[in-house]
Protein backbone atom coordinates (compact mmCIF):
# COMPACT_ATOMS: atom_id res chain seq x y z
CA MET A 1 -22.74 165.74 158.55
CA LYS A 2 -22.22 162.91 161.06
CA THR A 3 -23.08 163.23 164.67
CA SER A 4 -21.86 160.97 167.41
CA THR A 5 -21.48 161.03 171.17
CA SER A 6 -23.19 163.55 173.38
CA TYR A 7 -21.52 164.84 176.58
CA GLN A 8 -22.52 166.65 179.66
CA LEU A 9 -20.18 169.49 180.63
CA GLU A 10 -18.16 167.43 183.17
CA GLN A 11 -17.47 164.82 180.62
CA LEU A 12 -16.38 167.47 178.11
CA VAL A 13 -13.88 169.04 180.70
CA ASN A 14 -12.51 165.53 181.36
CA ASN A 15 -11.95 165.07 177.67
CA ILE A 16 -10.08 168.42 177.51
CA VAL A 17 -7.91 167.34 180.56
CA ASN A 18 -7.05 164.15 178.60
CA GLY A 19 -6.17 166.15 175.48
CA GLN A 20 -9.31 164.96 173.58
CA GLY A 21 -11.61 167.94 173.91
CA ASP A 22 -10.79 169.92 170.76
CA GLY A 23 -13.61 169.91 168.26
CA THR A 24 -17.01 171.21 167.38
CA TYR A 25 -20.05 170.44 169.44
CA GLU A 26 -23.70 171.12 168.74
CA VAL A 27 -25.26 172.71 171.77
CA ALA A 28 -28.74 171.67 172.81
CA VAL A 29 -30.83 171.72 175.97
CA ASN A 30 -31.69 168.24 177.35
CA ASP A 31 -34.96 167.24 179.11
CA PHE A 32 -33.48 168.43 182.46
CA GLY A 33 -32.80 171.96 181.17
CA GLU A 34 -29.04 171.37 181.03
CA LEU A 35 -26.80 171.93 178.10
CA GLU A 36 -25.61 168.92 176.17
CA PHE A 37 -22.83 168.88 173.72
CA THR A 38 -22.91 166.51 170.72
CA VAL A 39 -19.83 166.02 168.63
CA VAL A 40 -20.36 167.26 165.09
CA GLU A 41 -18.31 166.26 162.17
CA HIS A 42 -19.20 168.51 159.16
CA THR A 43 -17.22 167.45 156.08
CA ILE A 44 -17.87 170.64 154.04
CA GLY A 45 -18.48 174.26 154.83
CA TYR A 46 -17.03 176.87 157.02
CA TYR A 47 -16.94 177.74 160.71
CA VAL A 48 -17.18 181.34 161.85
CA SER A 49 -17.00 182.53 165.48
CA SER A 50 -19.33 185.05 167.07
CA LYS A 51 -18.19 188.64 167.49
CA PHE A 52 -19.55 188.36 171.05
CA GLY A 53 -16.57 186.23 171.86
CA GLY A 54 -16.40 182.83 173.28
CA TYR A 55 -18.74 181.28 175.77
CA VAL A 56 -15.90 181.30 178.37
CA GLU A 57 -12.75 183.24 178.80
CA PRO A 58 -9.75 181.23 177.60
CA VAL A 59 -8.31 179.06 180.34
CA GLN A 60 -5.02 177.23 180.73
CA ALA A 61 -5.43 173.62 179.73
CA SER A 62 -3.32 172.47 182.69
CA ALA A 63 -5.67 174.25 185.03
CA ILE A 64 -8.93 173.51 183.45
CA GLU A 65 -10.22 171.37 186.27
CA ILE A 66 -9.66 174.30 188.62
CA SER A 67 -11.61 176.47 186.20
CA TYR A 68 -14.51 174.06 186.12
CA ALA A 69 -16.80 176.18 188.27
CA LEU A 70 -16.20 179.22 185.94
CA ILE A 71 -16.80 177.14 182.83
CA ARG A 72 -20.01 175.63 184.36
CA THR A 73 -21.32 179.12 185.21
CA SER A 74 -20.45 180.56 181.78
CA LEU A 75 -21.70 177.73 179.66
CA ASN A 76 -25.34 178.10 180.49
CA VAL A 77 -28.63 178.08 178.61
CA ARG A 78 -29.05 181.90 178.88
CA HIS A 79 -25.64 182.54 177.27
CA PHE A 80 -26.36 180.07 174.48
CA ASP A 81 -29.68 181.75 173.72
CA GLN A 82 -27.97 185.14 173.57
CA GLN A 83 -25.77 184.04 170.73
CA GLY A 84 -28.64 183.74 168.32
CA LYS A 85 -29.83 180.77 166.24
CA ASN A 86 -26.84 180.73 163.85
CA PHE A 87 -24.22 180.34 166.55
CA ARG A 88 -25.43 176.95 167.87
CA TYR A 89 -22.03 175.26 168.02
CA LEU A 90 -19.38 175.32 170.57
CA GLY A 91 -15.89 175.29 169.06
CA ILE A 92 -13.19 174.09 171.48
CA TRP A 93 -9.54 174.46 170.56
CA THR A 94 -6.31 174.41 172.36
CA ASP A 95 -3.42 176.68 171.26
CA PRO A 96 -0.41 174.38 171.45
CA GLU A 97 1.98 177.29 171.85
CA THR A 98 0.23 178.81 174.81
CA ASP A 99 -1.65 175.83 176.22
CA MET A 100 -4.78 178.02 176.36
CA VAL A 101 -8.17 176.47 175.72
CA TYR A 102 -10.74 178.57 173.81
CA PHE A 103 -14.50 178.06 173.92
CA ASP A 104 -16.05 179.84 170.90
CA ALA A 105 -19.63 180.37 169.95
CA THR A 106 -19.53 179.14 166.33
CA ALA A 107 -21.76 179.06 163.25
CA HIS A 108 -21.53 176.71 160.34
CA TRP A 109 -22.04 178.04 156.84
CA THR A 110 -21.98 176.07 153.57
CA SER A 111 -21.13 179.07 151.35
CA GLY A 112 -17.65 180.43 151.39
CA ALA A 113 -18.88 183.87 150.36
CA VAL A 114 -21.39 183.93 153.27
CA ALA A 115 -18.75 182.67 155.67
CA TYR A 116 -16.40 185.45 154.57
CA ILE A 117 -19.05 188.16 155.07
CA GLU A 118 -20.07 186.75 158.43
CA ALA A 119 -16.38 186.60 159.47
CA LEU A 120 -15.97 190.28 158.58
CA GLU A 121 -19.30 191.25 160.34
CA ASN A 122 -18.15 189.36 163.43
CA ASP A 123 -14.74 191.10 163.48
CA GLN A 124 -12.89 187.77 163.06
CA LEU A 125 -9.27 187.46 162.04
CA ALA A 126 -10.08 184.24 160.14
CA TYR A 127 -12.69 181.63 159.53
CA PHE A 128 -12.16 177.90 159.14
CA ASP A 129 -12.54 176.02 155.82
CA ILE A 130 -13.58 172.47 156.94
CA GLN A 131 -12.78 170.64 153.73
CA ALA A 132 -9.34 172.22 153.35
CA GLY A 133 -8.64 171.87 157.11
CA LYS A 134 -7.25 175.40 157.46
CA ALA A 135 -8.02 178.90 158.49
CA ILE A 136 -8.68 181.59 155.85
CA SER A 137 -7.50 185.01 156.89
CA THR A 138 -9.65 188.11 156.59
CA PRO A 139 -8.38 191.71 156.23
CA ARG A 140 -8.60 191.91 160.05
CA THR A 141 -5.64 189.49 160.25
CA ASP A 142 -3.36 192.43 161.06
CA TYR A 143 -3.36 192.20 164.84
CA ASN A 144 -2.35 195.84 165.10
CA GLN A 145 -5.58 197.08 163.51
CA PRO A 146 -8.03 198.91 165.84
């Protein structure tokens, strides 16, 4: 795993506005008690999102600056702590079809079997295979399931 630049929330939102915010970020608390987001580039393993949903409700990419106050309120230390130690990453992705930006509490697993079980336990439709660069569907992929 390589790590690189760290961002404060305002910088992260600016990156999203400029179409450069998608990615995975390790979430930590800095010396001032604020969340800091460090770009993480895992080369192997799997990402699974939390069943508790994302850190923030999805927002329209074109209106993300307007939604900054909501994002700032939602992405806080308390929420991060509630996700548990495994979900210490923030996954940000923009759906190109809807222009919606998603902020997911995410865990990294090195075992495909563990990732699959975690995806099922977290009611996920899929989990992400980093090396293959693609989502792997779970039995919950049928969107019509209860």
